Amino acid sequence: MDTAELAINKLIILSILDKVPGITINQLTTLSLETLYMDYFGFVTAYEELCRDRMIAEGLRKSEEVLDSTGRPVSRCDLTPAGSAVLATLENRIPLPIRSYLAQACFGWKKDKRLQNTISATSDPDGNNGYLVKLKQSDGIKDLIDLRLTVPDKEMGELICERWQRQPQTVYLSILSLLTGELGIGSGEQLTDRTFEDITAVDPEPGQDKFAEDPKQQTLFEE
């Protein structure tokens, strides 16, 4: 993935969160893949870098009523002020067909049943003094993983379920890395020598567009 493609992936994710704030990571995954611009690996790379650069915040809400399959409140994703600032300046760099799709699709997203229950994790006694752990994740269209593990005790089963619920995309890529021997999967590429965080680190002078005076930023998204 080149840096221009990664940058567009990031802007698409920011745009989705701007239109549908407070969705879960699994719902965000589904909506991002439905743009048909990025695949799962492209999404994970962009998402992890946005979190790293504090463009996105993921966490629990005190009044959360929706529970996951383990009975715990789901965590939700939102834009940070830094993410909103970047999107406001660079949203027009998203290809026009994708912008049009995002504008039209946002009206139906909140009612889309495919965005519900896209991840599950259970741990139950197996009748042989062990526990059967079942992990499943869907991107809203197809199953990405359907895994069963036998573990020796309840504590280990609960730990695996908790980790899966908290970081499903990281666990998924780690499994692929181990099975394929490609240990670099999910490491991602740098957007540019200056990250999104660098771009927003220095405020422009009043009335001045900080992107207009920087030739490097003018070519950031050029092919």
C-alpha atoms as a PDB file:
ATOM      1  CA  MET A   1       0.000   0.000   0.000  1.00  0.00           C
ATOM      2  CA  ASP A   2       1.468   3.369  -0.997  1.00  0.00           C
ATOM      3  CA  THR A   3       1.223   6.437   1.216  1.00  0.00           C
ATOM      4  CA  ALA A   4      -1.435   8.143  -0.934  1.00  0.00           C
ATOM      5  CA  GLU A   5      -3.729   5.116  -0.658  1.00  0.00           C
ATOM      6  CA  LEU A   6      -3.147   4.926   3.088  1.00  0.00           C
ATOM      7  CA  ALA A   7      -3.986   8.612   3.418  1.00  0.00           C
ATOM      8  CA  ILE A   8      -7.284   8.174   1.568  1.00  0.00           C
ATOM      9  CA  ASN A   9      -8.122   5.179   3.782  1.00  0.00           C
ATOM     10  CA  LYS A  10      -7.610   7.351   6.834  1.00  0.00           C
ATOM     11  CA  LEU A  11      -9.803  10.125   5.482  1.00  0.00           C
ATOM     12  CA  ILE A  12     -12.580   7.658   4.643  1.00  0.00           C
ATOM     13  CA  ILE A  13     -12.529   6.321   8.205  1.00  0.00           C
ATOM     14  CA  LEU A  14     -12.582   9.846   9.624  1.00  0.00           C
ATOM     15  CA  SER A  15     -15.478  10.755   7.326  1.00  0.00           C
ATOM     16  CA  ILE A  16     -17.504   7.723   8.438  1.00  0.00           C
ATOM     17  CA  LEU A  17     -17.009   8.586  12.101  1.00  0.00           C
ATOM     18  CA  ASP A  18     -17.979  12.177  11.379  1.00  0.00           C
ATOM     19  CA  LYS A  19     -21.269  11.010   9.831  1.00  0.00           C
ATOM     20  CA  VAL A  20     -22.008   8.165  12.267  1.00  0.00           C
ATOM     21  CA  PRO A  21     -20.287   9.001  15.573  1.00  0.00           C
ATOM     22  CA  GLY A  22     -20.152   6.475  18.376  1.00  0.00           C
ATOM     23  CA  ILE A  23     -20.171   3.278  16.311  1.00  0.00           C
ATOM     24  CA  THR A  24     -18.264   0.193  17.394  1.00  0.00           C
ATOM     25  CA  ILE A  25     -14.984  -0.908  15.841  1.00  0.00           C
ATOM     26  CA  ASN A  26     -16.781  -3.785  14.148  1.00  0.00           C
ATOM     27  CA  GLN A  27     -19.405  -1.492  12.663  1.00  0.00           C
ATOM     28  CA  LEU A  28     -16.663   0.870  11.505  1.00  0.00           C
ATOM     29  CA  THR A  29     -14.881  -2.052   9.853  1.00  0.00           C
ATOM     30  CA  THR A  30     -18.036  -3.035   7.991  1.00  0.00           C
ATOM     31  CA  LEU A  31     -18.767   0.464   6.712  1.00  0.00           C
ATOM     32  CA  SER A  32     -15.166   1.044   5.643  1.00  0.00           C
ATOM     33  CA  LEU A  33     -15.003  -2.178   3.646  1.00  0.00           C
ATOM     34  CA  GLU A  34     -18.313  -1.414   1.960  1.00  0.00           C
ATOM     35  CA  THR A  35     -16.762   1.619   0.282  1.00  0.00           C
ATOM     36  CA  LEU A  36     -14.855  -0.992  -1.794  1.00  0.00           C
ATOM     37  CA  TYR A  37     -11.806   1.271  -1.632  1.00  0.00           C
ATOM     38  CA  MET A  38      -9.907  -0.669   1.032  1.00  0.00           C
ATOM     39  CA  ASP A  39      -9.513  -4.279   2.118  1.00  0.00           C
ATOM     40  CA  TYR A  40      -9.357  -5.513   5.703  1.00  0.00           C
ATOM     41  CA  PHE A  41      -5.600  -5.073   5.999  1.00  0.00           C
ATOM     42  CA  GLY A  42      -5.813  -1.560   4.610  1.00  0.00           C
ATOM     43  CA  PHE A  43      -8.493  -0.727   7.173  1.00  0.00           C
ATOM     44  CA  VAL A  44      -6.520  -2.111  10.123  1.00  0.00           C
ATOM     45  CA  THR A  45      -3.366  -0.257   9.120  1.00  0.00           C
ATOM     46  CA  ALA A  46      -5.199   3.052   8.726  1.00  0.00           C
ATOM     47  CA  TYR A  47      -7.236   2.588  11.907  1.00  0.00           C
ATOM     48  CA  GLU A  48      -4.248   1.733  14.077  1.00  0.00           C
ATOM     49  CA  GLU A  49      -2.287   4.744  12.801  1.00  0.00           C
ATOM     50  CA  LEU A  50      -5.253   7.057  13.406  1.00  0.00           C
ATOM     51  CA  CYS A  51      -5.488   5.792  16.987  1.00  0.00           C
ATOM     52  CA  ARG A  52      -1.739   6.140  17.412  1.00  0.00           C
ATOM     53  CA  ASP A  53      -1.864   9.724  16.165  1.00  0.00           C
ATOM     54  CA  ARG A  54      -4.899  10.440  18.371  1.00  0.00           C
ATOM     55  CA  MET A  55      -7.241  11.181  15.494  1.00  0.00           C
ATOM     56  CA  ILE A  56      -9.686   8.566  16.838  1.00  0.00           C
ATOM     57  CA  ALA A  57     -10.662   7.721  20.402  1.00  0.00           C
ATOM     58  CA  GLU A  58     -12.099   4.311  21.299  1.00  0.00           C
ATOM     59  CA  GLY A  59     -13.548   3.666  24.729  1.00  0.00           C
ATOM     60  CA  LEU A  60     -16.483   2.830  26.986  1.00  0.00           C
ATOM     61  CA  ARG A  61     -19.293   5.252  27.743  1.00  0.00           C
ATOM     62  CA  LYS A  62     -20.697   5.513  31.260  1.00  0.00           C
ATOM     63  CA  SER A  63     -24.296   5.269  30.053  1.00  0.00           C
ATOM     64  CA  GLU A  64     -23.691   2.440  27.552  1.00  0.00           C
ATOM     65  CA  GLU A  65     -26.663   0.081  27.395  1.00  0.00           C
ATOM     66  CA  VAL A  66     -25.581  -2.156  24.514  1.00  0.00           C
ATOM     67  CA  LEU A  67     -23.754  -5.284  25.685  1.00  0.00           C
ATOM     68  CA  ASP A  68     -21.481  -7.627  23.768  1.00  0.00           C
ATOM     69  CA  SER A  69     -21.797 -11.417  23.769  1.00  0.00           C
ATOM     70  CA  THR A  70     -20.017 -11.623  27.132  1.00  0.00           C
ATOM     71  CA  GLY A  71     -22.451  -9.225  28.779  1.00  0.00           C
ATOM     72  CA  ARG A  72     -20.052  -6.291  28.880  1.00  0.00           C
ATOM     73  CA  PRO A  73     -20.710  -2.787  27.524  1.00  0.00           C
ATOM     74  CA  VAL A  74     -19.381  -2.284  23.999  1.00  0.00           C
ATOM     75  CA  SER A  75     -16.698   0.302  23.327  1.00  0.00           C
ATOM     76  CA  ARG A  76     -17.345   3.002  20.740  1.00  0.00           C
ATOM     77  CA  CYS A  77     -15.256   5.067  18.343  1.00  0.00           C
ATOM     78  CA  ASP A  78     -15.337   8.842  17.943  1.00  0.00           C
ATOM     79  CA  LEU A  79     -13.352  11.561  16.243  1.00  0.00           C
ATOM     80  CA  THR A  80     -11.014  13.615  18.389  1.00  0.00           C
ATOM     81  CA  PRO A  81     -10.638  17.373  17.810  1.00  0.00           C
ATOM     82  CA  ALA A  82      -7.417  16.615  15.918  1.00  0.00           C
ATOM     83  CA  GLY A  83      -9.242  14.149  13.665  1.00  0.00           C
ATOM     84  CA  SER A  84     -12.026  16.636  13.000  1.00  0.00           C
ATOM     85  CA  ALA A  85      -9.504  19.325  12.078  1.00  0.00           C
ATOM     86  CA  VAL A  86      -7.754  17.084   9.570  1.00  0.00           C
ATOM     87  CA  LEU A  87     -11.032  15.963   8.019  1.00  0.00           C
ATOM     88  CA  ALA A  88     -12.322  19.520   7.703  1.00  0.00           C
ATOM     89  CA  THR A  89      -9.226  20.488   5.754  1.00  0.00           C
ATOM     90  CA  LEU A  90      -8.653  17.396   3.623  1.00  0.00           C
ATOM     91  CA  GLU A  91     -12.057  15.799   3.092  1.00  0.00           C
ATOM     92  CA  ASN A  92     -12.184  17.073  -0.485  1.00  0.00           C
ATOM     93  CA  ARG A  93      -9.179  14.821  -1.238  1.00  0.00           C
ATOM     94  CA  ILE A  94     -11.430  11.765  -0.926  1.00  0.00           C
ATOM     95  CA  PRO A  95     -12.294  10.623  -4.479  1.00  0.00           C
ATOM     96  CA  LEU A  96     -15.626  12.093  -5.567  1.00  0.00           C
ATOM     97  CA  PRO A  97     -17.390   8.728  -6.128  1.00  0.00           C
ATOM     98  CA  ILE A  98     -16.556   7.664  -2.562  1.00  0.00           C
ATOM     99  CA  ARG A  99     -17.652  11.017  -1.134  1.00  0.00           C
ATOM    100  CA  SER A 100     -20.950  10.668  -2.956  1.00  0.00           C
ATOM    101  CA  TYR A 101     -21.378   7.128  -1.670  1.00  0.00           C
ATOM    102  CA  LEU A 102     -20.622   8.167   1.926  1.00  0.00           C
ATOM    103  CA  ALA A 103     -23.111  11.048   1.741  1.00  0.00           C
ATOM    104  CA  GLN A 104     -25.908   8.805   0.465  1.00  0.00           C
ATOM    105  CA  ALA A 105     -25.164   5.743   2.588  1.00  0.00           C
ATOM    106  CA  CYS A 106     -25.019   7.494   5.951  1.00  0.00           C
ATOM    107  CA  PHE A 107     -28.815   7.791   6.090  1.00  0.00           C
ATOM    108  CA  GLY A 108     -29.293   4.019   6.155  1.00  0.00           C
ATOM    109  CA  TRP A 109     -26.306   2.971   8.250  1.00  0.00           C
ATOM    110  CA  LYS A 110     -27.932   3.327  11.663  1.00  0.00           C
ATOM    111  CA  LYS A 111     -30.739   0.965  10.619  1.00  0.00           C
ATOM    112  CA  ASP A 112     -28.479  -1.603   8.968  1.00  0.00           C
ATOM    113  CA  LYS A 113     -28.899  -4.916  10.816  1.00  0.00           C
ATOM    114  CA  ARG A 114     -25.639  -6.212   9.375  1.00  0.00           C
ATOM    115  CA  LEU A 115     -23.789  -3.816  11.669  1.00  0.00           C
ATOM    116  CA  GLN A 116     -25.001  -5.682  14.749  1.00  0.00           C
ATOM    117  CA  ASN A 117     -23.389  -8.694  16.415  1.00  0.00           C
ATOM    118  CA  THR A 118     -20.403  -8.820  14.056  1.00  0.00           C
ATOM    119  CA  ILE A 119     -18.137 -10.278  16.735  1.00  0.00           C
ATOM    120  CA  SER A 120     -18.648 -12.952  19.373  1.00  0.00           C
ATOM    121  CA  ALA A 121     -16.596 -14.806  21.955  1.00  0.00           C
ATOM    122  CA  THR A 122     -17.777 -17.524  24.331  1.00  0.00           C
ATOM    123  CA  SER A 123     -16.088 -19.867  26.787  1.00  0.00           C
ATOM    124  CA  ASP A 124     -18.032 -22.874  28.109  1.00  0.00           C
ATOM    125  CA  PRO A 125     -17.178 -26.169  29.901  1.00  0.00           C
ATOM    126  CA  ASP A 126     -16.500 -28.928  27.375  1.00  0.00           C
ATOM    127  CA  GLY A 127     -17.434 -31.863  29.630  1.00  0.00           C
ATOM    128  CA  ASN A 128     -13.819 -33.076  29.803  1.00  0.00           C
ATOM    129  CA  ASN A 129     -12.510 -30.831  32.576  1.00  0.00           C
ATOM    130  CA  GLY A 130     -11.643 -28.138  30.046  1.00  0.00           C
ATOM    131  CA  TYR A 131     -13.278 -25.161  28.358  1.00  0.00           C
ATOM    132  CA  LEU A 132     -14.261 -24.687  24.725  1.00  0.00           C
ATOM    133  CA  VAL A 133     -13.592 -21.167  23.463  1.00  0.00           C
ATOM    134  CA  LYS A 134     -15.404 -20.030  20.311  1.00  0.00           C
ATOM    135  CA  LEU A 135     -14.225 -16.885  18.538  1.00  0.00           C
ATOM    136  CA  LYS A 136     -16.013 -15.448  15.538  1.00  0.00           C
ATOM    137  CA  GLN A 137     -15.752 -12.244  13.524  1.00  0.00           C
ATOM    138  CA  SER A 138     -17.649 -11.026  10.485  1.00  0.00           C
ATOM    139  CA  ASP A 139     -17.080  -7.944   8.358  1.00  0.00           C
ATOM    140  CA  GLY A 140     -20.839  -7.680   7.822  1.00  0.00           C
ATOM    141  CA  ILE A 141     -20.645  -9.585   4.558  1.00  0.00           C
ATOM    142  CA  LYS A 142     -18.746 -12.771   5.314  1.00  0.00           C
ATOM    143  CA  ASP A 143     -16.996 -14.511   8.208  1.00  0.00           C
ATOM    144  CA  LEU A 144     -13.372 -13.435   8.575  1.00  0.00           C
ATOM    145  CA  ILE A 145     -12.638 -16.009  11.233  1.00  0.00           C
ATOM    146  CA  ASP A 146     -14.485 -18.836  13.017  1.00  0.00           C
ATOM    147  CA  LEU A 147     -12.119 -20.400  15.532  1.00  0.00           C
ATOM    148  CA  ARG A 148     -12.559 -23.001  18.297  1.00  0.00           C
ATOM    149  CA  LEU A 149      -9.975 -23.631  20.995  1.00  0.00           C
ATOM    150  CA  THR A 150      -9.864 -26.046  23.915  1.00  0.00           C
ATOM    151  CA  VAL A 151      -8.192 -24.516  26.982  1.00  0.00           C
ATOM    152  CA  PRO A 152      -7.490 -26.100  30.386  1.00  0.00           C
ATOM    153  CA  ASP A 153      -9.315 -23.710  32.710  1.00  0.00           C
ATOM    154  CA  LYS A 154     -11.999 -21.042  33.027  1.00  0.00           C
ATOM    155  CA  GLU A 155      -9.577 -18.188  33.670  1.00  0.00           C
ATOM    156  CA  MET A 156      -7.694 -18.759  30.428  1.00  0.00           C
ATOM    157  CA  GLY A 157     -10.935 -18.980  28.476  1.00  0.00           C
ATOM    158  CA  GLU A 158     -12.194 -15.695  29.903  1.00  0.00           C
ATOM    159  CA  LEU A 159      -8.846 -14.022  29.190  1.00  0.00           C
ATOM    160  CA  ILE A 160      -8.941 -15.110  25.534  1.00  0.00           C
ATOM    161  CA  CYS A 161     -12.531 -13.894  25.152  1.00  0.00           C
ATOM    162  CA  GLU A 162     -11.696 -10.541  26.734  1.00  0.00           C
ATOM    163  CA  ARG A 163      -8.703  -9.999  24.470  1.00  0.00           C
ATOM    164  CA  TRP A 164     -10.725 -10.979  21.401  1.00  0.00           C
ATOM    165  CA  GLN A 165     -13.510  -8.548  22.292  1.00  0.00           C
ATOM    166  CA  ARG A 166     -11.060  -5.761  23.014  1.00  0.00           C
ATOM    167  CA  GLN A 167      -8.686  -6.135  20.056  1.00  0.00           C
ATOM    168  CA  PRO A 168     -10.191  -8.461  17.431  1.00  0.00           C
ATOM    169  CA  GLN A 169      -8.333  -6.927  14.491  1.00  0.00           C
ATOM    170  CA  THR A 170      -4.963  -7.219  16.244  1.00  0.00           C
ATOM    171  CA  VAL A 171      -5.577 -10.850  17.217  1.00  0.00           C
ATOM    172  CA  TYR A 172      -6.755 -11.663  13.689  1.00  0.00           C
ATOM    173  CA  LEU A 173      -3.614 -10.218  12.095  1.00  0.00           C
ATOM    174  CA  SER A 174      -1.392 -11.902  14.679  1.00  0.00           C
ATOM    175  CA  ILE A 175      -2.898 -15.287  13.820  1.00  0.00           C
ATOM    176  CA  LEU A 176      -2.317 -14.668  10.113  1.00  0.00           C
ATOM    177  CA  SER A 177       1.240 -13.579  10.817  1.00  0.00           C
ATOM    178  CA  LEU A 178       2.001 -16.793  12.701  1.00  0.00           C
ATOM    179  CA  LEU A 179       0.352 -19.054  10.129  1.00  0.00           C
ATOM    180  CA  THR A 180       1.928 -17.401   7.090  1.00  0.00           C
ATOM    181  CA  GLY A 181       5.300 -16.509   8.577  1.00  0.00           C
ATOM    182  CA  GLU A 182       4.807 -12.908   7.432  1.00  0.00           C
ATOM    183  CA  LEU A 183       5.620 -11.227  10.712  1.00  0.00           C
ATOM    184  CA  GLY A 184       5.270  -7.771   9.173  1.00  0.00           C
ATOM    185  CA  ILE A 185       1.527  -8.091   8.567  1.00  0.00           C
ATOM    186  CA  GLY A 186      -0.266  -5.143  10.100  1.00  0.00           C
ATOM    187  CA  SER A 187       2.875  -3.111  10.694  1.00  0.00           C
ATOM    188  CA  GLY A 188       1.671  -0.521   8.179  1.00  0.00           C
ATOM    189  CA  GLU A 189       3.498   2.110   6.226  1.00  0.00           C
ATOM    190  CA  GLN A 190       4.184   5.670   7.213  1.00  0.00           C
ATOM    191  CA  LEU A 191       1.814   8.172   5.646  1.00  0.00           C
ATOM    192  CA  THR A 192       4.607  10.637   4.893  1.00  0.00           C
ATOM    193  CA  ASP A 193       7.624  11.956   6.715  1.00  0.00           C
ATOM    194  CA  ARG A 194       5.090  14.151   8.503  1.00  0.00           C
ATOM    195  CA  THR A 195       2.123  12.322  10.015  1.00  0.00           C
ATOM    196  CA  PHE A 196      -1.407  13.694  10.385  1.00  0.00           C
ATOM    197  CA  GLU A 197      -0.433  14.637  13.924  1.00  0.00           C
ATOM    198  CA  ASP A 198       2.512  16.665  12.629  1.00  0.00           C
ATOM    199  CA  ILE A 199       0.230  18.489  10.226  1.00  0.00           C
ATOM    200  CA  THR A 200      -2.046  19.676  13.034  1.00  0.00           C
ATOM    201  CA  ALA A 201       0.696  20.268  15.578  1.00  0.00           C
ATOM    202  CA  VAL A 202       1.338  23.887  14.556  1.00  0.00           C
ATOM    203  CA  ASP A 203      -1.561  26.291  14.299  1.00  0.00           C
ATOM    204  CA  PRO A 204      -1.518  28.683  11.336  1.00  0.00           C
ATOM    205  CA  GLU A 205      -1.583  32.433  11.669  1.00  0.00           C
ATOM    206  CA  PRO A 206      -5.117  33.858  11.920  1.00  0.00           C
ATOM    207  CA  GLY A 207      -6.760  33.882   8.526  1.00  0.00           C
ATOM    208  CA  GLN A 208      -4.032  31.753   6.970  1.00  0.00           C
ATOM    209  CA  ASP A 209      -4.549  28.264   5.549  1.00  0.00           C
ATOM    210  CA  LYS A 210      -1.603  26.230   6.784  1.00  0.00           C
ATOM    211  CA  PHE A 211      -1.901  23.851   3.806  1.00  0.00           C
ATOM    212  CA  ALA A 212      -1.890  26.587   1.183  1.00  0.00           C
ATOM    213  CA  GLU A 213       1.632  27.737   2.057  1.00  0.00           C
ATOM    214  CA  ASP A 214       3.214  24.311   2.261  1.00  0.00           C
ATOM    215  CA  PRO A 215       4.019  22.781  -1.164  1.00  0.00           C
ATOM    216  CA  LYS A 216       4.635  19.391   0.444  1.00  0.00           C
ATOM    217  CA  GLN A 217       1.058  19.251   1.723  1.00  0.00           C
ATOM    218  CA  GLN A 218      -0.304  20.280  -1.670  1.00  0.00           C
ATOM    219  CA  THR A 219       1.159  17.080  -3.126  1.00  0.00           C
ATOM    220  CA  LEU A 220       0.356  14.852  -0.164  1.00  0.00           C
ATOM    221  CA  PHE A 221      -2.524  13.141  -1.899  1.00  0.00           C
ATOM    222  CA  GLU A 222      -1.398  13.437  -5.483  1.00  0.00           C
ATOM    223  CA  GLU A 223      -0.806  10.210  -7.346  1.00  0.00           C
END
